[in-house]
């Protein structure tokens, strides 16, 4: 017997309603399965050993990379702890134990150094230090909900796509600014300083790369606006921090936009920064050097380091997924380069570009492969100072031993997943004109890195 006409029309509608109800229930179950964290305890350890064979060089100066075969290593063990307060704010503390020994037992002879952990090492014997201690508050402002996955110094939680985030305390400028999915972490991705941030980004920090300050982030749909002020060192590239944030500081402003290209996600970021500190002008240093009776003075920079000066930079950061397992990145930055390096490295214009492939492409989900190219350059003022025989913090081969050339090269790595939380990485870096000297190199650096997370 056929059902009544009204029931015949009602059955498909009822069936659709039931399916919709099932879909909603499944979605709610999926949402609930993504639980939020209220406390966090995570740890990492990384050991990196590097070696370069002998390379050709015409003369060596005080700040030259040794042309003889040499070895270096770094070790780090870090505890990351976080807790969410009743107010919704989060508090994080990191303590790190580090050791290391750079090439030639001194961190000199390159613009783009080959190991991102070397600045944190205070000698061959492991030493502990407080790395981070900061507070973060998020104010939700509506829009779609999105889930932040658990990560180091980020507790898993649901947030509004429109929100305001304030971070204050002891942290790194790079914790908030200049993110990039494919080139960010020297413990798991590219090792060279030129790839995990802008090489020309002289961001304010102590000698280990951390400082005190405040950063604000405003998320509006596909846009993010970031503004921050951080402390710099008391003396350029020194460890003691200058807490006078009204006189000596590093400011940065970044705009980020998320987009899709061919149904694949990507992001574009523009960053502008300004430092203010007591630094030396390269023009003044060159004049002093040329007037010196001996024509050489390794302390020239110190003799003209007087008065507060400003330093600026502008950068572009792009990342784009080509598929679920392939992504590309590009960073480019230009700094004014009139004054000595404040807190990072000796690069005044930088370009870095590369590709990262996930091992799922060949059935190794834990693996990854990266290939990147870098090109680092100096300002005319810094170049002329070096040509006169000047020595700055990291570079300087001496008069007669220097002929300018752009420092450029390639890095290739393969990260092999031994287990769920353990990776071993083989890395090769080829660097032409180390420390911008066409009379030296090229140098090849080979590395083995062991990284664990638990």
Protein backbone atom coordinates (compact mmCIF):
# COMPACT_ATOMS: atom_id res chain seq x y z
CA UNK A 1 0.00 0.00 0.00
CA UNK A 2 1.43 3.37 -1.02
CA UNK A 3 1.85 5.98 1.74
CA UNK A 4 -0.35 9.05 1.66
CA UNK A 5 0.77 11.83 -0.69
CA UNK A 6 1.76 14.19 2.18
CA UNK A 7 3.85 11.46 3.81
CA UNK A 8 5.54 10.76 0.48
CA UNK A 9 6.63 14.39 0.29
CA UNK A 10 7.61 14.46 3.98
CA UNK A 11 9.89 11.38 3.97
CA UNK A 12 12.68 12.95 1.84
CA UNK A 13 12.58 16.12 3.93
CA UNK A 14 12.70 14.09 7.15
CA UNK A 15 15.57 12.03 5.78
CA UNK A 16 17.51 15.20 4.87
CA UNK A 17 16.85 16.64 8.30
CA UNK A 18 18.12 13.47 9.96
CA UNK A 19 21.28 13.55 7.78
CA UNK A 20 21.80 17.18 8.69
CA UNK A 21 21.39 16.31 12.35
CA UNK A 22 23.94 13.51 11.98
CA UNK A 23 26.38 15.88 10.26
CA UNK A 24 25.98 18.47 13.02
CA UNK A 25 26.52 15.80 15.66
CA UNK A 26 29.65 14.57 13.87
CA UNK A 27 30.95 18.13 13.58
CA UNK A 28 30.33 18.75 17.26
CA UNK A 29 32.10 15.49 18.09
CA UNK A 30 35.07 16.54 15.92
CA UNK A 31 35.19 19.92 17.64
CA UNK A 32 35.03 18.37 21.08
CA UNK A 33 37.80 15.94 20.16
CA UNK A 34 40.10 18.93 19.72
CA UNK A 35 40.57 19.54 23.40
CA UNK A 36 42.06 22.66 24.92
CA UNK A 37 45.17 22.70 27.09
CA UNK A 38 45.32 24.50 30.41
CA UNK A 39 48.82 23.39 31.33
CA UNK A 40 51.78 22.46 29.16
CA UNK A 41 55.14 20.78 29.66
CA UNK A 42 57.21 20.14 26.53
CA UNK A 43 60.89 19.50 25.98
CA UNK A 44 63.37 19.45 23.12
CA UNK A 45 67.00 18.50 22.69
CA UNK A 46 69.21 19.16 19.67
CA UNK A 47 72.80 18.17 18.91
CA UNK A 48 74.43 19.60 15.78
CA UNK A 49 77.95 18.77 14.62
CA UNK A 50 79.46 20.49 11.57
CA UNK A 51 82.69 20.24 9.62
CA UNK A 52 84.25 22.15 6.77
CA UNK A 53 87.23 20.84 4.76
CA UNK A 54 90.14 23.13 3.93
CA UNK A 55 89.29 25.86 1.43
CA UNK A 56 91.41 28.33 -0.61
CA UNK A 57 92.13 31.76 0.88
CA UNK A 58 94.51 34.64 0.12
CA UNK A 59 95.56 35.80 3.54
CA UNK A 60 93.62 35.84 6.81
CA UNK A 61 92.81 38.58 9.26
CA UNK A 62 91.60 38.86 12.83
CA UNK A 63 87.99 38.01 11.92
CA UNK A 64 88.64 35.45 9.18
CA UNK A 65 87.20 31.96 9.09
CA UNK A 66 90.13 29.56 9.29
CA UNK A 67 90.92 28.05 5.86
CA UNK A 68 92.16 24.83 7.46
CA UNK A 69 89.71 21.97 8.03
CA UNK A 70 87.72 22.58 11.18
CA UNK A 71 84.84 21.28 13.32
CA UNK A 72 82.13 22.79 15.48
CA UNK A 73 79.21 21.57 17.61
CA UNK A 74 76.19 22.80 19.54
CA UNK A 75 73.97 21.13 22.11
CA UNK A 76 70.72 22.37 23.65
CA UNK A 77 68.15 20.98 26.07
CA UNK A 78 65.07 23.13 26.66
CA UNK A 79 62.11 22.89 28.99
CA UNK A 80 58.95 24.75 27.92
CA UNK A 81 56.25 25.19 30.56
CA UNK A 82 52.93 26.97 30.24
CA UNK A 83 49.81 27.55 32.35
CA UNK A 84 46.48 29.21 31.58
CA UNK A 85 45.18 31.44 34.34
CA UNK A 86 41.54 31.90 35.41
CA UNK A 87 41.52 35.21 33.55
CA UNK A 88 42.28 33.36 30.30
CA UNK A 89 45.81 34.74 30.10
CA UNK A 90 48.70 32.35 29.53
CA UNK A 91 52.08 32.40 31.24
CA UNK A 92 55.13 30.64 29.77
CA UNK A 93 58.63 29.95 31.10
CA UNK A 94 61.55 28.33 29.27
CA UNK A 95 64.85 27.20 30.77
CA UNK A 96 67.62 26.05 28.47
CA UNK A 97 70.90 24.19 28.93
CA UNK A 98 73.40 24.86 26.11
CA UNK A 99 76.96 24.11 25.07
CA UNK A 100 78.93 24.65 21.89
CA UNK A 101 82.20 25.43 20.19
CA UNK A 102 82.19 27.42 16.90
CA UNK A 103 84.63 27.08 14.04
CA UNK A 104 88.11 28.29 15.08
CA UNK A 105 86.68 28.72 18.61
CA UNK A 106 85.32 32.12 17.59
CA UNK A 107 82.13 33.17 15.83
CA UNK A 108 83.66 35.07 12.90
CA UNK A 109 84.19 34.90 9.17
CA UNK A 110 80.64 34.75 7.76
CA UNK A 111 77.56 36.88 7.27
CA UNK A 112 75.19 33.90 7.13
CA UNK A 113 76.49 31.56 9.84
CA UNK A 114 75.91 27.86 9.35
CA UNK A 115 74.31 26.89 12.68
CA UNK A 116 71.30 28.70 14.12
CA UNK A 117 72.01 27.54 17.68
CA UNK A 118 75.59 28.76 18.03
CA UNK A 119 74.76 32.15 19.60
CA UNK A 120 73.12 30.42 22.57
CA UNK A 121 76.19 28.37 23.42
CA UNK A 122 78.44 29.86 26.09
CA UNK A 123 81.31 27.37 25.88
CA UNK A 124 82.03 23.65 25.73
CA UNK A 125 80.59 23.04 29.19
CA UNK A 126 76.76 23.09 29.38
CA UNK A 127 75.36 26.19 31.07
CA UNK A 128 71.73 26.89 32.02
CA UNK A 129 69.91 30.18 31.51
CA UNK A 130 66.37 31.54 31.62
CA UNK A 131 65.38 31.81 27.98
CA UNK A 132 61.80 33.09 28.13
CA UNK A 133 59.35 34.31 30.76
CA UNK A 134 56.30 35.98 29.25
CA UNK A 135 52.56 36.61 29.57
CA UNK A 136 50.03 36.40 26.73
CA UNK A 137 46.39 37.50 26.72
CA UNK A 138 43.88 36.88 23.92
CA UNK A 139 40.67 38.88 23.54
CA UNK A 140 38.21 37.22 21.15
CA UNK A 141 36.26 39.61 18.90
CA UNK A 142 33.92 37.39 16.90
CA UNK A 143 33.97 35.75 13.51
CA UNK A 144 34.61 32.11 12.73
CA UNK A 145 36.27 29.89 15.30
CA UNK A 146 39.68 28.35 14.58
CA UNK A 147 41.77 25.83 16.47
CA UNK A 148 45.36 26.56 17.47
CA UNK A 149 47.33 23.32 17.58
CA UNK A 150 49.55 22.57 20.55
CA UNK A 151 53.14 23.69 19.98
CA UNK A 152 56.10 24.97 21.94
CA UNK A 153 54.89 28.02 23.89
CA UNK A 154 51.40 27.65 22.47
CA UNK A 155 48.69 25.73 24.30
CA UNK A 156 45.99 24.14 22.17
CA UNK A 157 42.81 26.19 22.25
CA UNK A 158 39.86 27.56 20.26
CA UNK A 159 39.95 31.26 19.36
CA UNK A 160 37.95 33.67 17.23
CA UNK A 161 39.34 34.44 13.81
CA UNK A 162 38.96 38.10 14.83
CA UNK A 163 40.97 38.65 17.97
CA UNK A 164 43.53 40.84 19.72
CA UNK A 165 46.64 39.27 21.29
CA UNK A 166 49.10 40.96 23.63
CA UNK A 167 52.46 39.41 24.58
CA UNK A 168 54.73 40.95 27.21
CA UNK A 169 57.86 39.90 29.06
CA UNK A 170 61.05 38.08 28.09
CA UNK A 171 60.83 36.44 24.65
CA UNK A 172 62.27 36.67 21.13
CA UNK A 173 61.11 39.12 18.50
CA UNK A 174 60.95 36.12 16.15
CA UNK A 175 58.36 34.46 18.42
CA UNK A 176 55.83 36.98 17.11
CA UNK A 177 57.25 38.43 13.88
CA UNK A 178 58.50 36.91 10.61
CA UNK A 179 56.82 33.53 10.79
CA UNK A 180 57.14 31.14 7.84
CA UNK A 181 55.86 27.58 7.54
CA UNK A 182 58.79 26.37 5.46
CA UNK A 183 61.81 28.24 6.85
CA UNK A 184 61.71 29.17 10.52
CA UNK A 185 63.30 26.64 12.88
CA UNK A 186 67.06 25.81 12.66
CA UNK A 187 66.42 22.77 14.86
CA UNK A 188 64.13 21.07 12.33
CA UNK A 189 64.51 22.93 9.01
CA UNK A 190 67.30 25.02 7.42
CA UNK A 191 70.32 25.72 9.64
CA UNK A 192 71.85 28.81 8.03
CA UNK A 193 71.02 32.18 9.62
CA UNK A 194 70.02 33.49 6.20
CA UNK A 195 67.07 31.10 5.92
CA UNK A 196 65.23 30.96 9.25
CA UNK A 197 64.75 34.73 9.31
CA UNK A 198 65.74 37.69 7.15
CA UNK A 199 69.53 37.87 7.08
CA UNK A 200 69.35 41.68 7.11
CA UNK A 201 66.86 41.79 10.01
CA UNK A 202 68.97 43.34 12.78
CA UNK A 203 66.26 42.62 15.34
CA UNK A 204 66.81 43.91 18.87
CA UNK A 205 67.89 41.19 21.30
CA UNK A 206 70.68 40.10 23.60
CA UNK A 207 73.55 37.99 22.25
CA UNK A 208 71.40 34.83 22.53
CA UNK A 209 68.54 36.33 20.51
CA UNK A 210 66.07 37.22 23.30
CA UNK A 211 64.95 40.42 25.01
CA UNK A 212 62.24 42.14 27.04
CA UNK A 213 59.35 43.98 25.51
CA UNK A 214 55.76 43.97 24.34
CA UNK A 215 54.06 42.95 21.09
CA UNK A 216 50.45 43.41 19.97
CA UNK A 217 48.66 41.42 17.24
CA UNK A 218 45.29 42.29 15.71
CA UNK A 219 43.64 39.52 13.65
CA UNK A 220 40.90 40.63 11.24
CA UNK A 221 39.69 37.84 8.93
CA UNK A 222 42.57 37.21 6.49
CA UNK A 223 44.67 40.12 7.79
CA UNK A 224 47.02 40.37 10.78
CA UNK A 225 48.67 43.57 12.02
CA UNK A 226 51.59 43.34 14.45
CA UNK A 227 53.42 46.05 16.39
CA UNK A 228 56.18 45.56 18.95
CA UNK A 229 59.00 47.18 20.88
CA UNK A 230 61.89 45.08 22.22
CA UNK A 231 65.00 45.76 24.28
CA UNK A 232 68.43 45.71 22.71
CA UNK A 233 71.85 44.99 24.20
CA UNK A 234 73.73 47.56 26.27
CA UNK A 235 76.57 47.31 23.74
CA UNK A 236 76.13 45.96 20.21
CA UNK A 237 75.97 42.14 20.15
CA UNK A 238 76.45 42.00 23.92
CA UNK A 239 74.63 39.80 26.42
CA UNK A 240 73.53 42.36 29.08
CA UNK A 241 70.16 43.91 28.20
CA UNK A 242 69.43 47.63 28.05
CA UNK A 243 66.07 48.11 29.79
CA UNK A 244 65.74 51.79 28.88
CA UNK A 245 63.00 51.18 26.30
CA UNK A 246 62.30 54.91 25.96
CA UNK A 247 65.79 55.62 24.58
CA UNK A 248 67.26 52.37 23.23
CA UNK A 249 65.02 49.85 21.54
CA UNK A 250 63.97 47.93 18.45
CA UNK A 251 60.55 48.68 16.91
CA UNK A 252 58.84 46.54 14.28
CA UNK A 253 55.55 46.67 12.41
CA UNK A 254 54.30 43.82 10.25
CA UNK A 255 51.26 43.31 8.01
CA UNK A 256 50.28 39.76 7.04
CA UNK A 257 47.66 38.61 4.54
CA UNK A 258 46.49 35.01 4.03
CA UNK A 259 45.34 33.96 0.56
CA UNK A 260 44.71 30.94 -1.63
CA UNK A 261 46.40 30.31 -4.96
CA UNK A 262 45.15 27.34 -6.97
CA UNK A 263 43.18 26.19 -3.91
CA UNK A 264 46.43 26.09 -1.89
CA UNK A 265 47.09 28.37 1.12
CA UNK A 266 49.73 31.05 1.17
CA UNK A 267 50.73 34.14 3.11
CA UNK A 268 52.44 37.44 2.33
CA UNK A 269 54.09 39.59 5.00
CA UNK A 270 55.68 43.02 4.90
CA UNK A 271 57.89 44.05 7.83
CA UNK A 272 59.43 47.41 8.64
CA UNK A 273 61.76 47.87 11.63
CA UNK A 274 63.77 50.58 13.36
CA UNK A 275 66.51 50.35 15.99
CA UNK A 276 67.81 53.10 18.24
CA UNK A 277 71.00 52.59 20.20
CA UNK A 278 74.55 53.76 20.84
CA UNK A 279 76.36 52.47 17.77
CA UNK A 280 79.24 53.38 15.48
CA UNK A 281 78.91 54.85 12.00
CA UNK A 282 80.95 53.05 9.33
CA UNK A 283 81.78 56.36 7.66
CA UNK A 284 83.20 57.67 10.96
CA UNK A 285 85.06 54.39 11.54
CA UNK A 286 86.66 54.53 8.08
CA UNK A 287 87.75 58.14 8.57
CA UNK A 288 89.29 57.28 11.95
CA UNK A 289 91.04 54.25 10.45
CA UNK A 290 92.57 56.20 7.56
CA UNK A 291 93.86 58.84 9.99
CA UNK A 292 95.45 56.25 12.28
CA UNK A 293 99.27 56.47 12.25
CA UNK A 294 99.60 52.71 11.77
CA UNK A 295 96.74 52.44 9.28
CA UNK A 296 95.26 49.55 11.28
CA UNK A 297 93.34 49.40 14.53
CA UNK A 298 91.18 46.37 15.41
CA UNK A 299 89.34 48.55 17.95
CA UNK A 300 88.32 51.23 15.43
CA UNK A 301 84.61 50.57 15.93
CA UNK A 302 84.97 51.17 19.68
CA UNK A 303 86.75 54.48 19.12
CA UNK A 304 83.79 55.97 17.22
CA UNK A 305 80.92 54.28 19.03
CA UNK A 306 79.27 57.38 20.47
CA UNK A 307 75.81 58.92 20.42
CA UNK A 308 72.44 57.37 19.65
CA UNK A 309 71.79 56.45 16.04
CA UNK A 310 68.86 55.01 14.10
CA UNK A 311 68.88 52.01 11.78
CA UNK A 312 66.05 50.95 9.45
CA UNK A 313 64.99 47.99 7.33
CA UNK A 314 62.15 46.81 5.08
CA UNK A 315 61.39 43.21 4.19
CA UNK A 316 59.03 40.96 2.23
CA UNK A 317 58.22 37.40 3.36
CA UNK A 318 56.24 35.00 1.13
CA UNK A 319 55.14 31.41 1.63
CA UNK A 320 53.01 29.33 -0.72
CA UNK A 321 51.84 25.72 -0.65
CA UNK A 322 51.99 24.05 -4.06
CA UNK A 323 50.31 20.92 -2.70
CA UNK A 324 49.71 19.31 0.68
CA UNK A 325 53.34 18.11 0.65
CA UNK A 326 55.27 20.83 -1.22
CA UNK A 327 55.77 24.47 -0.25
CA UNK A 328 58.01 27.33 -1.35
CA UNK A 329 59.22 30.46 0.44
CA UNK A 330 61.00 33.73 -0.26
CA UNK A 331 62.39 36.44 1.99
CA UNK A 332 64.00 39.68 0.85
CA UNK A 333 65.12 42.62 3.00
CA UNK A 334 67.11 45.83 2.67
CA UNK A 335 68.61 47.66 5.65
CA UNK A 336 70.23 51.10 5.52
CA UNK A 337 73.63 49.71 6.58
CA UNK A 338 75.16 52.99 7.74
CA UNK A 339 75.84 51.82 11.29
CA UNK A 340 77.32 48.70 12.84
CA UNK A 341 75.25 45.62 13.56
CA UNK A 342 73.13 46.09 16.68
CA UNK A 343 72.15 42.56 17.63
CA UNK A 344 72.10 40.04 14.76
CA UNK A 345 74.63 39.56 11.96
CA UNK A 346 76.54 41.52 9.33
CA UNK A 347 74.17 41.56 6.37
CA UNK A 348 72.68 44.73 4.88
CA UNK A 349 70.65 43.22 2.01
CA UNK A 350 69.44 39.63 1.96
CA UNK A 351 67.57 37.26 -0.31
CA UNK A 352 66.57 33.72 0.62
CA UNK A 353 64.34 31.38 -1.37
CA UNK A 354 63.68 27.66 -1.30
CA UNK A 355 61.38 24.67 -1.34
CA UNK A 356 60.38 22.17 1.36
CA UNK A 357 59.01 18.72 0.54
CA UNK A 358 57.29 16.38 3.01
CA UNK A 359 58.18 12.72 3.00
CA UNK A 360 54.63 11.55 2.41
CA UNK A 361 55.46 11.94 -1.28
CA UNK A 362 57.68 8.85 -1.06
CA UNK A 363 55.98 7.02 1.81
CA UNK A 364 58.02 8.54 4.68
CA UNK A 365 55.59 10.80 6.53
CA UNK A 366 58.13 11.80 9.21
CA UNK A 367 60.78 12.89 6.69
CA UNK A 368 61.36 16.19 4.90
CA UNK A 369 63.73 17.60 2.30
CA UNK A 370 64.72 21.24 1.90
CA UNK A 371 66.66 23.15 -0.77
CA UNK A 372 67.35 26.88 -0.43
CA UNK A 373 69.48 29.62 -2.00
CA UNK A 374 70.82 32.72 -0.23
CA UNK A 375 72.36 35.98 -1.41
CA UNK A 376 73.79 38.41 1.17
CA UNK A 377 75.20 41.88 0.46
CA UNK A 378 76.77 44.84 2.27
CA UNK A 379 76.05 48.55 2.19
CA UNK A 380 78.55 50.85 0.51
CA UNK A 381 79.56 52.31 3.90
CA UNK A 382 80.32 48.91 5.44
CA UNK A 383 82.07 47.71 2.28
CA UNK A 384 84.38 50.75 2.11
CA UNK A 385 85.27 50.30 5.79
CA UNK A 386 86.31 46.68 5.19
CA UNK A 387 88.25 47.62 2.06
CA UNK A 388 90.24 50.09 4.19
CA UNK A 389 91.23 47.21 6.46
CA UNK A 390 88.54 47.66 9.10
CA UNK A 391 87.37 44.99 11.52
CA UNK A 392 83.76 44.85 12.68
CA UNK A 393 82.15 42.42 15.10
CA UNK A 394 82.02 39.27 12.93
CA UNK A 395 83.98 40.04 9.77
CA UNK A 396 87.17 41.72 8.56
CA UNK A 397 90.06 40.03 6.75
CA UNK A 398 92.42 43.00 6.85
CA UNK A 399 93.80 45.46 4.31
CA UNK A 400 95.18 43.76 1.19
CA UNK A 401 93.29 40.55 1.94
CA UNK A 402 89.83 41.76 0.92
CA UNK A 403 88.07 42.05 -2.44
CA UNK A 404 84.33 42.50 -2.22
CA UNK A 405 81.95 39.86 -3.53
CA UNK A 406 78.39 38.95 -2.58
CA UNK A 407 78.18 36.10 -0.08
CA UNK A 408 75.89 33.55 -1.70
CA UNK A 409 75.28 29.83 -1.63
CA UNK A 410 73.00 26.85 -1.32
CA UNK A 411 71.76 24.67 1.53
CA UNK A 412 70.31 21.19 1.13
CA UNK A 413 69.06 18.95 3.95
CA UNK A 414 67.28 15.64 4.45
CA UNK A 415 65.52 15.08 7.78
CA UNK A 416 64.91 11.39 8.51
CA UNK A 417 62.31 10.43 11.11
CA UNK A 418 63.70 7.68 13.33
CA UNK A 419 60.55 7.60 15.42
CA UNK A 420 57.55 9.72 16.25
CA UNK A 421 59.62 12.32 18.12
CA UNK A 422 63.19 11.74 16.93
CA UNK A 423 64.89 12.94 13.74
CA UNK A 424 68.40 12.80 12.28
CA UNK A 425 69.29 15.33 9.58
CA UNK A 426 72.09 15.45 7.04
CA UNK A 427 72.88 18.96 5.78
CA UNK A 428 75.23 20.47 3.17
CA UNK A 429 75.95 24.16 2.72
CA UNK A 430 78.02 25.65 -0.10
CA UNK A 431 79.06 29.27 0.50
CA UNK A 432 80.88 31.42 -2.04
CA UNK A 433 82.82 34.54 -0.95
CA UNK A 434 82.58 33.93 2.83
CA UNK A 435 82.39 37.25 4.68
CA UNK A 436 81.96 38.97 1.28
CA UNK A 437 85.56 38.27 0.29
CA UNK A 438 86.15 37.06 -3.28
CA UNK A 439 89.72 36.12 -2.26
CA UNK A 440 88.42 33.37 0.04
CA UNK A 441 86.42 30.21 -0.52
CA UNK A 442 84.18 28.71 -1.54
CA UNK A 443 83.64 26.76 1.65
CA UNK A 444 81.56 23.59 2.02
CA UNK A 445 80.04 22.77 5.39
CA UNK A 446 78.66 19.31 6.22
CA UNK A 447 76.41 18.73 9.24
CA UNK A 448 74.65 15.99 11.16
CA UNK A 449 71.83 17.10 13.46
CA UNK A 450 69.95 14.96 15.99
CA UNK A 451 66.69 16.43 17.28
CA UNK A 452 64.21 15.04 19.82
CA UNK A 453 60.91 16.36 21.16
CA UNK A 454 59.14 14.93 24.18
